[in-house]
Amino acid sequence: MTPPTSVEADSQGEGWATAKTLAEALPYIQRYDRETVVIKYGGHAMGEESVAKLFAADAVLLKMLGVHPVIVHGGGPQISAMLERAGVKSTFIDGLRVTDEATMEVAEMVLSGAINKEIANWITLAGKEADVRGVGLSGKDARLITVEKVTRTKKDPDSEIERMVDLGFVGDPKKVDPKLIEALIYADEDYIPVIAPIGVAEDGQTYNINADTVAGALAGALNAKRMLLLTDVAGVLDADGELIRQMSVAEARAAIEGGVATGGMIPKLETAIAAAEAGVGAVVILDGRRPHAMLVELFTEHGAGTLISP
């Protein structure tokens, strides 16, 4: 075996691997330059403080590389913990939490308050040197998200008759007005919007909204290049438990209808389908607990989850 030349040996030293990675990322950095990427940061994917700090730093890096990140966060586990501490009992119908007045009050406090401001603050701290700032908002700000009450039906097991189910103050986006978000992401200053999944109806009533649904609706309204659904699984798995790297909308529908997608993956695929059909370039479902998962997905040829495209 021929020994490496002095130039080759030098290029294998410390720092050169990082430089090589950056050079290989150039085509992907150019692809997303000045493009909007909506990121759904899930309740379980939030993890511990160290994981949250890494996520914030990666969001700042995206902004510094010319991407316009827009973050929508969840918080189901945190709401459940606070409800338990407050002594408020939750009722579930087919896995969906019934949001009564007391639950809505706690949900808004946790989502728009504690979680939203914490994520925005981590971003501001991570971006301190370059003056990148997180801005915490909810769908109630500037009529960002106008909702309508969710209606669901449930089949009576005895009579087989479909009956209406009242989930309380749970809403679906009826209209998204992205002007405020666009003003922030295109400002001369470097702002990263962080949005809590709370909206308001035409009559002024506050509603809780599924965070995946908010991310999809917002991504469509912003004509986002990508939507990243950060969750606690690697992506969509096939019948053998192997990760499916890429799917079309038609294949995603078939995975739902054929039973390949089950449980919580079904609504995520439905959100991805709706977003892709609303004009989003593609949606990626990936494991947000893995450090730098967003960077691997956007700036390498390997990807980090399942990509669903039109």
C-alpha atoms as a PDB file:
ATOM      1  CA  MET A   1       0.000   0.000   0.000  1.00  0.00           C
ATOM      2  CA  THR A   2       1.389   3.382  -1.023  1.00  0.00           C
ATOM      3  CA  PRO A   3       1.879   5.723   1.958  1.00  0.00           C
ATOM      4  CA  PRO A   4      -0.135   8.956   1.759  1.00  0.00           C
ATOM      5  CA  THR A   5       1.571  12.057   0.426  1.00  0.00           C
ATOM      6  CA  SER A   6       2.156  14.987   2.782  1.00  0.00           C
ATOM      7  CA  VAL A   7      -0.871  16.766   1.268  1.00  0.00           C
ATOM      8  CA  GLU A   8      -3.105  13.702   1.685  1.00  0.00           C
ATOM      9  CA  ALA A   9      -1.928  13.168   5.262  1.00  0.00           C
ATOM     10  CA  ASP A  10      -2.538  16.809   6.096  1.00  0.00           C
ATOM     11  CA  SER A  11      -6.063  16.661   4.644  1.00  0.00           C
ATOM     12  CA  GLN A  12      -6.929  13.801   7.003  1.00  0.00           C
ATOM     13  CA  GLY A  13      -6.135  15.787  10.143  1.00  0.00           C
ATOM     14  CA  GLU A  14      -8.482  17.540  12.565  1.00  0.00           C
ATOM     15  CA  GLY A  15     -10.810  20.072  10.971  1.00  0.00           C
ATOM     16  CA  TRP A  16     -10.539  18.674   7.455  1.00  0.00           C
ATOM     17  CA  ALA A  17     -13.487  16.299   7.927  1.00  0.00           C
ATOM     18  CA  THR A  18     -15.669  19.245   8.976  1.00  0.00           C
ATOM     19  CA  ALA A  19     -14.532  21.286   5.972  1.00  0.00           C
ATOM     20  CA  LYS A  20     -15.257  18.346   3.654  1.00  0.00           C
ATOM     21  CA  THR A  21     -18.775  17.997   5.130  1.00  0.00           C
ATOM     22  CA  LEU A  22     -19.462  21.699   4.614  1.00  0.00           C
ATOM     23  CA  ALA A  23     -18.245  21.531   1.012  1.00  0.00           C
ATOM     24  CA  GLU A  24     -20.475  18.522   0.308  1.00  0.00           C
ATOM     25  CA  ALA A  25     -23.457  20.399   1.792  1.00  0.00           C
ATOM     26  CA  LEU A  26     -23.119  23.325  -0.650  1.00  0.00           C
ATOM     27  CA  PRO A  27     -25.660  22.046  -3.246  1.00  0.00           C
ATOM     28  CA  TYR A  28     -28.246  21.475  -0.492  1.00  0.00           C
ATOM     29  CA  ILE A  29     -27.568  24.850   1.144  1.00  0.00           C
ATOM     30  CA  GLN A  30     -28.202  26.493  -2.229  1.00  0.00           C
ATOM     31  CA  ARG A  31     -31.393  24.470  -2.686  1.00  0.00           C
ATOM     32  CA  TYR A  32     -32.899  25.898   0.521  1.00  0.00           C
ATOM     33  CA  ASP A  33     -31.483  29.421   0.261  1.00  0.00           C
ATOM     34  CA  ARG A  34     -34.253  31.905   1.155  1.00  0.00           C
ATOM     35  CA  GLU A  35     -36.796  29.072   1.276  1.00  0.00           C
ATOM     36  CA  THR A  36     -39.268  28.539   4.128  1.00  0.00           C
ATOM     37  CA  VAL A  37     -39.095  25.324   6.173  1.00  0.00           C
ATOM     38  CA  VAL A  38     -41.902  24.687   8.676  1.00  0.00           C
ATOM     39  CA  ILE A  39     -40.806  22.493  11.574  1.00  0.00           C
ATOM     40  CA  LYS A  40     -43.276  20.670  13.829  1.00  0.00           C
ATOM     41  CA  TYR A  41     -41.476  20.147  17.139  1.00  0.00           C
ATOM     42  CA  GLY A  42     -43.372  17.386  18.925  1.00  0.00           C
ATOM     43  CA  GLY A  43     -44.108  16.947  22.619  1.00  0.00           C
ATOM     44  CA  HIS A  44     -42.090  13.725  22.942  1.00  0.00           C
ATOM     45  CA  ALA A  45     -39.354  14.960  20.582  1.00  0.00           C
ATOM     46  CA  MET A  46     -38.735  17.938  22.868  1.00  0.00           C
ATOM     47  CA  GLY A  47     -36.934  15.660  25.287  1.00  0.00           C
ATOM     48  CA  GLU A  48     -34.621  16.996  27.961  1.00  0.00           C
ATOM     49  CA  GLU A  49     -33.123  20.461  28.233  1.00  0.00           C
ATOM     50  CA  SER A  50     -29.903  19.384  26.506  1.00  0.00           C
ATOM     51  CA  VAL A  51     -31.900  18.106  23.514  1.00  0.00           C
ATOM     52  CA  ALA A  52     -33.937  21.334  23.409  1.00  0.00           C
ATOM     53  CA  LYS A  53     -30.734  23.384  23.354  1.00  0.00           C
ATOM     54  CA  LEU A  54     -29.388  21.341  20.441  1.00  0.00           C
ATOM     55  CA  PHE A  55     -32.648  21.845  18.560  1.00  0.00           C
ATOM     56  CA  ALA A  56     -32.489  25.610  19.165  1.00  0.00           C
ATOM     57  CA  ALA A  57     -28.886  25.769  17.972  1.00  0.00           C
ATOM     58  CA  ASP A  58     -29.776  23.847  14.798  1.00  0.00           C
ATOM     59  CA  ALA A  59     -32.683  26.247  14.149  1.00  0.00           C
ATOM     60  CA  VAL A  60     -30.262  29.184  14.463  1.00  0.00           C
ATOM     61  CA  LEU A  61     -27.853  27.453  12.077  1.00  0.00           C
ATOM     62  CA  LEU A  62     -30.658  27.054   9.523  1.00  0.00           C
ATOM     63  CA  LYS A  63     -31.342  30.792   9.734  1.00  0.00           C
ATOM     64  CA  MET A  64     -27.653  31.623   9.340  1.00  0.00           C
ATOM     65  CA  LEU A  65     -27.480  29.398   6.249  1.00  0.00           C
ATOM     66  CA  GLY A  66     -30.231  31.394   4.541  1.00  0.00           C
ATOM     67  CA  VAL A  67     -33.217  29.188   5.419  1.00  0.00           C
ATOM     68  CA  HIS A  68     -36.383  30.684   6.934  1.00  0.00           C
ATOM     69  CA  PRO A  69     -37.344  28.247   9.738  1.00  0.00           C
ATOM     70  CA  VAL A  70     -40.851  28.515  11.220  1.00  0.00           C
ATOM     71  CA  ILE A  71     -41.451  26.348  14.292  1.00  0.00           C
ATOM     72  CA  VAL A  72     -44.800  24.944  15.432  1.00  0.00           C
ATOM     73  CA  HIS A  73     -44.653  23.060  18.713  1.00  0.00           C
ATOM     74  CA  GLY A  74     -46.857  20.588  20.500  1.00  0.00           C
ATOM     75  CA  GLY A  75     -47.002  19.783  24.184  1.00  0.00           C
ATOM     76  CA  GLY A  76     -49.442  16.952  24.901  1.00  0.00           C
ATOM     77  CA  PRO A  77     -47.311  15.267  27.603  1.00  0.00           C
ATOM     78  CA  GLN A  78     -46.653  18.607  29.284  1.00  0.00           C
ATOM     79  CA  ILE A  79     -50.389  19.447  29.277  1.00  0.00           C
ATOM     80  CA  SER A  80     -51.188  16.047  30.805  1.00  0.00           C
ATOM     81  CA  ALA A  81     -48.604  16.600  33.559  1.00  0.00           C
ATOM     82  CA  MET A  82     -49.957  20.061  34.382  1.00  0.00           C
ATOM     83  CA  LEU A  83     -53.573  18.836  34.374  1.00  0.00           C
ATOM     84  CA  GLU A  84     -52.591  16.127  36.851  1.00  0.00           C
ATOM     85  CA  ARG A  85     -50.852  18.667  39.085  1.00  0.00           C
ATOM     86  CA  ALA A  86     -53.899  20.935  38.903  1.00  0.00           C
ATOM     87  CA  GLY A  87     -56.217  18.052  39.732  1.00  0.00           C
ATOM     88  CA  VAL A  88     -58.110  18.339  36.443  1.00  0.00           C
ATOM     89  CA  LYS A  89     -59.265  14.942  35.151  1.00  0.00           C
ATOM     90  CA  SER A  90     -59.028  14.301  31.409  1.00  0.00           C
ATOM     91  CA  THR A  91     -61.639  12.459  29.387  1.00  0.00           C
ATOM     92  CA  PHE A  92     -60.699  10.764  26.114  1.00  0.00           C
ATOM     93  CA  ILE A  93     -62.909   9.622  23.244  1.00  0.00           C
ATOM     94  CA  ASP A  94     -61.180   7.329  20.745  1.00  0.00           C
ATOM     95  CA  GLY A  95     -57.815   8.639  21.896  1.00  0.00           C
ATOM     96  CA  LEU A  96     -58.783  12.316  21.561  1.00  0.00           C
ATOM     97  CA  ARG A  97     -58.762  14.495  24.668  1.00  0.00           C
ATOM     98  CA  VAL A  98     -62.056  16.234  25.446  1.00  0.00           C
ATOM     99  CA  THR A  99     -61.114  19.878  26.084  1.00  0.00           C
ATOM    100  CA  ASP A 100     -63.557  21.426  28.534  1.00  0.00           C
ATOM    101  CA  GLU A 101     -63.182  24.958  29.892  1.00  0.00           C
ATOM    102  CA  ALA A 102     -60.779  23.975  32.697  1.00  0.00           C
ATOM    103  CA  THR A 103     -58.641  21.880  30.351  1.00  0.00           C
ATOM    104  CA  MET A 104     -58.555  24.683  27.767  1.00  0.00           C
ATOM    105  CA  GLU A 105     -57.312  27.122  30.379  1.00  0.00           C
ATOM    106  CA  VAL A 106     -54.447  24.798  31.349  1.00  0.00           C
ATOM    107  CA  ALA A 107     -53.639  23.938  27.715  1.00  0.00           C
ATOM    108  CA  GLU A 108     -53.295  27.589  26.744  1.00  0.00           C
ATOM    109  CA  MET A 109     -51.185  28.321  29.813  1.00  0.00           C
ATOM    110  CA  VAL A 110     -48.798  25.454  29.020  1.00  0.00           C
ATOM    111  CA  LEU A 111     -48.648  25.859  25.232  1.00  0.00           C
ATOM    112  CA  SER A 112     -48.711  29.636  24.766  1.00  0.00           C
ATOM    113  CA  GLY A 113     -46.916  30.276  28.042  1.00  0.00           C
ATOM    114  CA  ALA A 114     -44.308  27.893  29.419  1.00  0.00           C
ATOM    115  CA  ILE A 115     -43.388  25.845  26.335  1.00  0.00           C
ATOM    116  CA  ASN A 116     -43.662  28.571  23.711  1.00  0.00           C
ATOM    117  CA  LYS A 117     -41.543  31.102  25.565  1.00  0.00           C
ATOM    118  CA  GLU A 118     -38.979  28.509  26.617  1.00  0.00           C
ATOM    119  CA  ILE A 119     -38.335  27.431  23.009  1.00  0.00           C
ATOM    120  CA  ALA A 120     -38.165  31.057  21.850  1.00  0.00           C
ATOM    121  CA  ASN A 121     -35.722  31.819  24.657  1.00  0.00           C
ATOM    122  CA  TRP A 122     -33.453  28.857  23.828  1.00  0.00           C
ATOM    123  CA  ILE A 123     -33.289  30.110  20.241  1.00  0.00           C
ATOM    124  CA  THR A 124     -32.444  33.650  21.349  1.00  0.00           C
ATOM    125  CA  LEU A 125     -29.698  32.335  23.647  1.00  0.00           C
ATOM    126  CA  ALA A 126     -28.275  30.037  20.947  1.00  0.00           C
ATOM    127  CA  GLY A 127     -28.264  32.912  18.435  1.00  0.00           C
ATOM    128  CA  LYS A 128     -26.901  35.569  20.777  1.00  0.00           C
ATOM    129  CA  GLU A 129     -23.609  36.158  18.930  1.00  0.00           C
ATOM    130  CA  ALA A 130     -25.341  36.700  15.572  1.00  0.00           C
ATOM    131  CA  ASP A 131     -28.448  38.358  17.095  1.00  0.00           C
ATOM    132  CA  VAL A 132     -30.857  35.660  15.900  1.00  0.00           C
ATOM    133  CA  ARG A 133     -33.996  35.889  18.026  1.00  0.00           C
ATOM    134  CA  GLY A 134     -36.888  33.549  18.721  1.00  0.00           C
ATOM    135  CA  VAL A 135     -40.338  35.152  18.715  1.00  0.00           C
ATOM    136  CA  GLY A 136     -43.065  33.310  20.628  1.00  0.00           C
ATOM    137  CA  LEU A 137     -46.581  33.524  19.200  1.00  0.00           C
ATOM    138  CA  SER A 138     -49.846  31.622  19.119  1.00  0.00           C
ATOM    139  CA  GLY A 139     -52.548  31.366  16.496  1.00  0.00           C
ATOM    140  CA  LYS A 140     -54.477  34.035  18.423  1.00  0.00           C
ATOM    141  CA  ASP A 141     -51.937  36.727  17.502  1.00  0.00           C
ATOM    142  CA  ALA A 142     -52.930  39.014  14.598  1.00  0.00           C
ATOM    143  CA  ARG A 143     -55.672  36.574  13.484  1.00  0.00           C
ATOM    144  CA  LEU A 144     -52.944  34.116  12.478  1.00  0.00           C
ATOM    145  CA  ILE A 145     -55.230  31.084  12.789  1.00  0.00           C
ATOM    146  CA  THR A 146     -59.015  31.303  12.667  1.00  0.00           C
ATOM    147  CA  VAL A 147     -60.578  28.007  13.674  1.00  0.00           C
ATOM    148  CA  GLU A 148     -63.854  26.185  13.516  1.00  0.00           C
ATOM    149  CA  LYS A 149     -64.986  23.675  16.096  1.00  0.00           C
ATOM    150  CA  VAL A 150     -63.971  20.090  15.357  1.00  0.00           C
ATOM    151  CA  THR A 151     -66.836  17.694  14.725  1.00  0.00           C
ATOM    152  CA  ARG A 152     -66.356  13.964  15.111  1.00  0.00           C
ATOM    153  CA  THR A 153     -68.677  10.993  14.912  1.00  0.00           C
ATOM    154  CA  LYS A 154     -68.563   7.659  16.701  1.00  0.00           C
ATOM    155  CA  LYS A 155     -70.461   4.512  15.783  1.00  0.00           C
ATOM    156  CA  ASP A 156     -72.673   3.113  18.521  1.00  0.00           C
ATOM    157  CA  PRO A 157     -71.563  -0.548  18.975  1.00  0.00           C
ATOM    158  CA  ASP A 158     -75.119  -1.733  19.574  1.00  0.00           C
ATOM    159  CA  SER A 159     -77.167   0.196  17.017  1.00  0.00           C
ATOM    160  CA  GLU A 160     -74.341   0.839  14.487  1.00  0.00           C
ATOM    161  CA  ILE A 161     -75.670   4.405  14.262  1.00  0.00           C
ATOM    162  CA  GLU A 162     -73.132   7.217  13.838  1.00  0.00           C
ATOM    163  CA  ARG A 163     -73.468   9.736  16.652  1.00  0.00           C
ATOM    164  CA  MET A 164     -71.907  13.193  17.006  1.00  0.00           C
ATOM    165  CA  VAL A 165     -69.128  13.440  19.609  1.00  0.00           C
ATOM    166  CA  ASP A 166     -68.463  16.746  21.380  1.00  0.00           C
ATOM    167  CA  LEU A 167     -64.730  17.180  22.014  1.00  0.00           C
ATOM    168  CA  GLY A 168     -65.205  20.589  23.592  1.00  0.00           C
ATOM    169  CA  PHE A 169     -62.863  23.410  22.682  1.00  0.00           C
ATOM    170  CA  VAL A 170     -60.939  21.561  19.964  1.00  0.00           C
ATOM    171  CA  GLY A 171     -60.673  23.305  16.616  1.00  0.00           C
ATOM    172  CA  ASP A 172     -59.380  22.885  13.078  1.00  0.00           C
ATOM    173  CA  PRO A 173     -57.787  25.734  11.101  1.00  0.00           C
ATOM    174  CA  LYS A 174     -60.434  27.401   8.944  1.00  0.00           C
ATOM    175  CA  LYS A 175     -58.216  30.228   7.726  1.00  0.00           C
ATOM    176  CA  VAL A 176     -54.502  31.005   8.094  1.00  0.00           C
ATOM    177  CA  ASP A 177     -53.302  34.588   7.629  1.00  0.00           C
ATOM    178  CA  PRO A 178     -49.504  34.368   7.240  1.00  0.00           C
ATOM    179  CA  LYS A 179     -48.810  38.132   7.058  1.00  0.00           C
ATOM    180  CA  LEU A 180     -47.316  38.359  10.554  1.00  0.00           C
ATOM    181  CA  ILE A 181     -45.082  35.332   9.994  1.00  0.00           C
ATOM    182  CA  GLU A 182     -43.947  36.635   6.608  1.00  0.00           C
ATOM    183  CA  ALA A 183     -43.126  40.023   8.159  1.00  0.00           C
ATOM    184  CA  LEU A 184     -40.909  38.267  10.706  1.00  0.00           C
ATOM    185  CA  ILE A 185     -39.087  35.863   8.403  1.00  0.00           C
ATOM    186  CA  TYR A 186     -38.419  38.493   5.717  1.00  0.00           C
ATOM    187  CA  ALA A 187     -37.439  41.255   8.170  1.00  0.00           C
ATOM    188  CA  ASP A 188     -33.966  42.790   8.026  1.00  0.00           C
ATOM    189  CA  GLU A 189     -33.387  41.312  11.471  1.00  0.00           C
ATOM    190  CA  ASP A 190     -33.061  37.546  11.968  1.00  0.00           C
ATOM    191  CA  TYR A 191     -36.247  36.348  13.653  1.00  0.00           C
ATOM    192  CA  ILE A 192     -37.439  32.760  14.047  1.00  0.00           C
ATOM    193  CA  PRO A 193     -41.206  32.490  14.728  1.00  0.00           C
ATOM    194  CA  VAL A 194     -42.251  29.896  17.322  1.00  0.00           C
ATOM    195  CA  ILE A 195     -45.987  29.178  17.205  1.00  0.00           C
ATOM    196  CA  ALA A 196     -48.226  27.537  19.804  1.00  0.00           C
ATOM    197  CA  PRO A 197     -51.183  25.514  18.427  1.00  0.00           C
ATOM    198  CA  ILE A 198     -53.902  27.726  19.872  1.00  0.00           C
ATOM    199  CA  GLY A 199     -56.445  29.482  17.661  1.00  0.00           C
ATOM    200  CA  VAL A 200     -59.545  31.593  17.950  1.00  0.00           C
ATOM    201  CA  ALA A 201     -62.984  31.238  16.367  1.00  0.00           C
ATOM    202  CA  GLU A 202     -64.909  34.028  14.655  1.00  0.00           C
ATOM    203  CA  ASP A 203     -66.815  34.625  17.902  1.00  0.00           C
ATOM    204  CA  GLY A 204     -63.579  35.079  19.880  1.00  0.00           C
ATOM    205  CA  GLN A 205     -63.623  31.682  21.621  1.00  0.00           C
ATOM    206  CA  THR A 206     -60.188  30.105  22.161  1.00  0.00           C
ATOM    207  CA  TYR A 207     -59.577  26.570  20.837  1.00  0.00           C
ATOM    208  CA  ASN A 208     -56.838  24.000  21.138  1.00  0.00           C
ATOM    209  CA  ILE A 209     -55.605  22.639  17.780  1.00  0.00           C
ATOM    210  CA  ASN A 210     -53.583  19.552  16.885  1.00  0.00           C
ATOM    211  CA  ALA A 211     -50.036  20.815  16.355  1.00  0.00           C
ATOM    212  CA  ASP A 212     -49.431  18.610  13.279  1.00  0.00           C
ATOM    213  CA  THR A 213     -52.541  20.114  11.696  1.00  0.00           C
ATOM    214  CA  VAL A 214     -51.341  23.652  12.485  1.00  0.00           C
ATOM    215  CA  ALA A 215     -47.927  22.925  10.948  1.00  0.00           C
ATOM    216  CA  GLY A 216     -49.535  21.565   7.777  1.00  0.00           C
ATOM    217  CA  ALA A 217     -51.945  24.471   7.397  1.00  0.00           C
ATOM    218  CA  LEU A 218     -49.200  27.029   8.033  1.00  0.00           C
ATOM    219  CA  ALA A 219     -46.776  25.311   5.651  1.00  0.00           C
ATOM    220  CA  GLY A 220     -49.413  25.449   2.918  1.00  0.00           C
ATOM    221  CA  ALA A 221     -50.175  29.124   3.567  1.00  0.00           C
ATOM    222  CA  LEU A 222     -46.454  29.979   3.492  1.00  0.00           C
ATOM    223  CA  ASN A 223     -45.811  27.870   0.374  1.00  0.00           C
ATOM    224  CA  ALA A 224     -43.016  26.154   2.297  1.00  0.00           C
ATOM    225  CA  LYS A 225     -40.280  24.229   0.518  1.00  0.00           C
ATOM    226  CA  ARG A 226     -40.318  21.577   3.242  1.00  0.00           C
ATOM    227  CA  MET A 227     -42.258  20.633   6.325  1.00  0.00           C
ATOM    228  CA  LEU A 228     -40.431  18.570   8.927  1.00  0.00           C
ATOM    229  CA  LEU A 229     -42.549  16.554  11.378  1.00  0.00           C
ATOM    230  CA  LEU A 230     -40.184  15.865  14.280  1.00  0.00           C
ATOM    231  CA  THR A 231     -41.542  12.992  16.327  1.00  0.00           C
ATOM    232  CA  ASP A 232     -40.269  10.064  18.407  1.00  0.00           C
ATOM    233  CA  VAL A 233     -40.052   7.432  15.653  1.00  0.00           C
ATOM    234  CA  ALA A 234     -37.623   7.019  12.754  1.00  0.00           C
ATOM    235  CA  GLY A 235     -40.353   7.557  10.143  1.00  0.00           C
ATOM    236  CA  VAL A 236     -42.852   5.341   8.326  1.00  0.00           C
ATOM    237  CA  LEU A 237     -41.998   1.646   8.606  1.00  0.00           C
ATOM    238  CA  ASP A 238     -42.965  -1.048   6.114  1.00  0.00           C
ATOM    239  CA  ALA A 239     -44.524  -4.426   6.972  1.00  0.00           C
ATOM    240  CA  ASP A 240     -41.057  -5.776   7.873  1.00  0.00           C
ATOM    241  CA  GLY A 241     -40.280  -2.898  10.193  1.00  0.00           C
ATOM    242  CA  GLU A 242     -37.842  -1.273   7.763  1.00  0.00           C
ATOM    243  CA  LEU A 243     -37.782   2.482   7.249  1.00  0.00           C
ATOM    244  CA  ILE A 244     -39.475   3.694   4.050  1.00  0.00           C
ATOM    245  CA  ARG A 245     -37.218   6.456   2.732  1.00  0.00           C
ATOM    246  CA  GLN A 246     -39.601   8.014   0.216  1.00  0.00           C
ATOM    247  CA  MET A 247     -43.304   7.877  -0.599  1.00  0.00           C
ATOM    248  CA  SER A 248     -45.638   9.577  -3.003  1.00  0.00           C
ATOM    249  CA  VAL A 249     -48.981  10.915  -1.787  1.00  0.00           C
ATOM    250  CA  ALA A 250     -50.642   7.928  -3.473  1.00  0.00           C
ATOM    251  CA  GLU A 251     -48.306   5.510  -1.670  1.00  0.00           C
ATOM    252  CA  ALA A 252     -48.968   7.286   1.642  1.00  0.00           C
ATOM    253  CA  ARG A 253     -52.712   6.836   1.146  1.00  0.00           C
ATOM    254  CA  ALA A 254     -52.173   3.177   0.298  1.00  0.00           C
ATOM    255  CA  ALA A 255     -50.113   2.708   3.491  1.00  0.00           C
ATOM    256  CA  ILE A 256     -53.048   4.018   5.527  1.00  0.00           C
ATOM    257  CA  GLU A 257     -55.690   2.010   3.697  1.00  0.00           C
ATOM    258  CA  GLY A 258     -53.576  -1.162   3.654  1.00  0.00           C
ATOM    259  CA  GLY A 259     -52.827  -1.083   7.373  1.00  0.00           C
ATOM    260  CA  VAL A 260     -49.077  -0.549   6.965  1.00  0.00           C
ATOM    261  CA  ALA A 261     -49.427   2.749   8.841  1.00  0.00           C
ATOM    262  CA  THR A 262     -51.099   2.330  12.230  1.00  0.00           C
ATOM    263  CA  GLY A 263     -51.822   4.288  15.396  1.00  0.00           C
ATOM    264  CA  GLY A 264     -50.324   7.767  15.627  1.00  0.00           C
ATOM    265  CA  MET A 265     -48.635   7.454  12.240  1.00  0.00           C
ATOM    266  CA  ILE A 266     -52.008   7.660  10.438  1.00  0.00           C
ATOM    267  CA  PRO A 267     -52.788  11.293  11.384  1.00  0.00           C
ATOM    268  CA  LYS A 268     -49.167  12.262  10.611  1.00  0.00           C
ATOM    269  CA  LEU A 269     -49.464  10.810   7.105  1.00  0.00           C
ATOM    270  CA  GLU A 270     -52.844  12.499   6.674  1.00  0.00           C
ATOM    271  CA  THR A 271     -51.231  15.808   7.643  1.00  0.00           C
ATOM    272  CA  ALA A 272     -48.372  15.168   5.197  1.00  0.00           C
ATOM    273  CA  ILE A 273     -50.805  14.379   2.391  1.00  0.00           C
ATOM    274  CA  ALA A 274     -52.867  17.515   3.057  1.00  0.00           C
ATOM    275  CA  ALA A 275     -49.727  19.700   3.175  1.00  0.00           C
ATOM    276  CA  ALA A 276     -48.312  18.245  -0.041  1.00  0.00           C
ATOM    277  CA  GLU A 277     -51.634  18.813  -1.793  1.00  0.00           C
ATOM    278  CA  ALA A 278     -51.698  22.399  -0.441  1.00  0.00           C
ATOM    279  CA  GLY A 279     -48.460  23.210  -2.273  1.00  0.00           C
ATOM    280  CA  VAL A 280     -45.702  22.250   0.186  1.00  0.00           C
ATOM    281  CA  GLY A 281     -42.673  20.903  -1.713  1.00  0.00           C
ATOM    282  CA  ALA A 282     -42.420  17.780   0.456  1.00  0.00           C
ATOM    283  CA  VAL A 283     -43.032  16.622   4.034  1.00  0.00           C
ATOM    284  CA  VAL A 284     -40.551  14.591   6.068  1.00  0.00           C
ATOM    285  CA  ILE A 285     -41.445  12.497   9.121  1.00  0.00           C
ATOM    286  CA  LEU A 286     -38.298  11.971  11.207  1.00  0.00           C
ATOM    287  CA  ASP A 287     -37.025  11.259  14.717  1.00  0.00           C
ATOM    288  CA  GLY A 288     -36.567  14.604  16.446  1.00  0.00           C
ATOM    289  CA  ARG A 289     -34.785  13.013  19.406  1.00  0.00           C
ATOM    290  CA  ARG A 290     -31.694  12.345  17.285  1.00  0.00           C
ATOM    291  CA  PRO A 291     -29.158  15.194  17.474  1.00  0.00           C
ATOM    292  CA  HIS A 292     -28.960  17.272  14.280  1.00  0.00           C
ATOM    293  CA  ALA A 293     -31.709  15.267  12.533  1.00  0.00           C
ATOM    294  CA  MET A 294     -32.888  18.404  10.683  1.00  0.00           C
ATOM    295  CA  LEU A 295     -29.390  19.083   9.339  1.00  0.00           C
ATOM    296  CA  VAL A 296     -28.948  15.495   8.162  1.00  0.00           C
ATOM    297  CA  GLU A 297     -32.305  15.648   6.390  1.00  0.00           C
ATOM    298  CA  LEU A 298     -31.834  19.002   4.665  1.00  0.00           C
ATOM    299  CA  PHE A 299     -28.109  19.174   3.960  1.00  0.00           C
ATOM    300  CA  THR A 300     -26.952  15.612   3.191  1.00  0.00           C
ATOM    301  CA  GLU A 301     -27.769  13.091   0.502  1.00  0.00           C
ATOM    302  CA  HIS A 302     -28.766  10.493   3.100  1.00  0.00           C
ATOM    303  CA  GLY A 303     -31.842  12.079   4.660  1.00  0.00           C
ATOM    304  CA  ALA A 304     -33.117  11.218   8.119  1.00  0.00           C
ATOM    305  CA  GLY A 305     -36.684   9.951   7.804  1.00  0.00           C
ATOM    306  CA  THR A 306     -39.558   9.338   5.387  1.00  0.00           C
ATOM    307  CA  LEU A 307     -40.131  11.940   2.673  1.00  0.00           C
ATOM    308  CA  ILE A 308     -43.665  12.311   1.299  1.00  0.00           C
ATOM    309  CA  SER A 309     -43.928  14.274  -1.940  1.00  0.00           C
ATOM    310  CA  PRO A 310     -46.749  15.102  -4.379  1.00  0.00           C
END
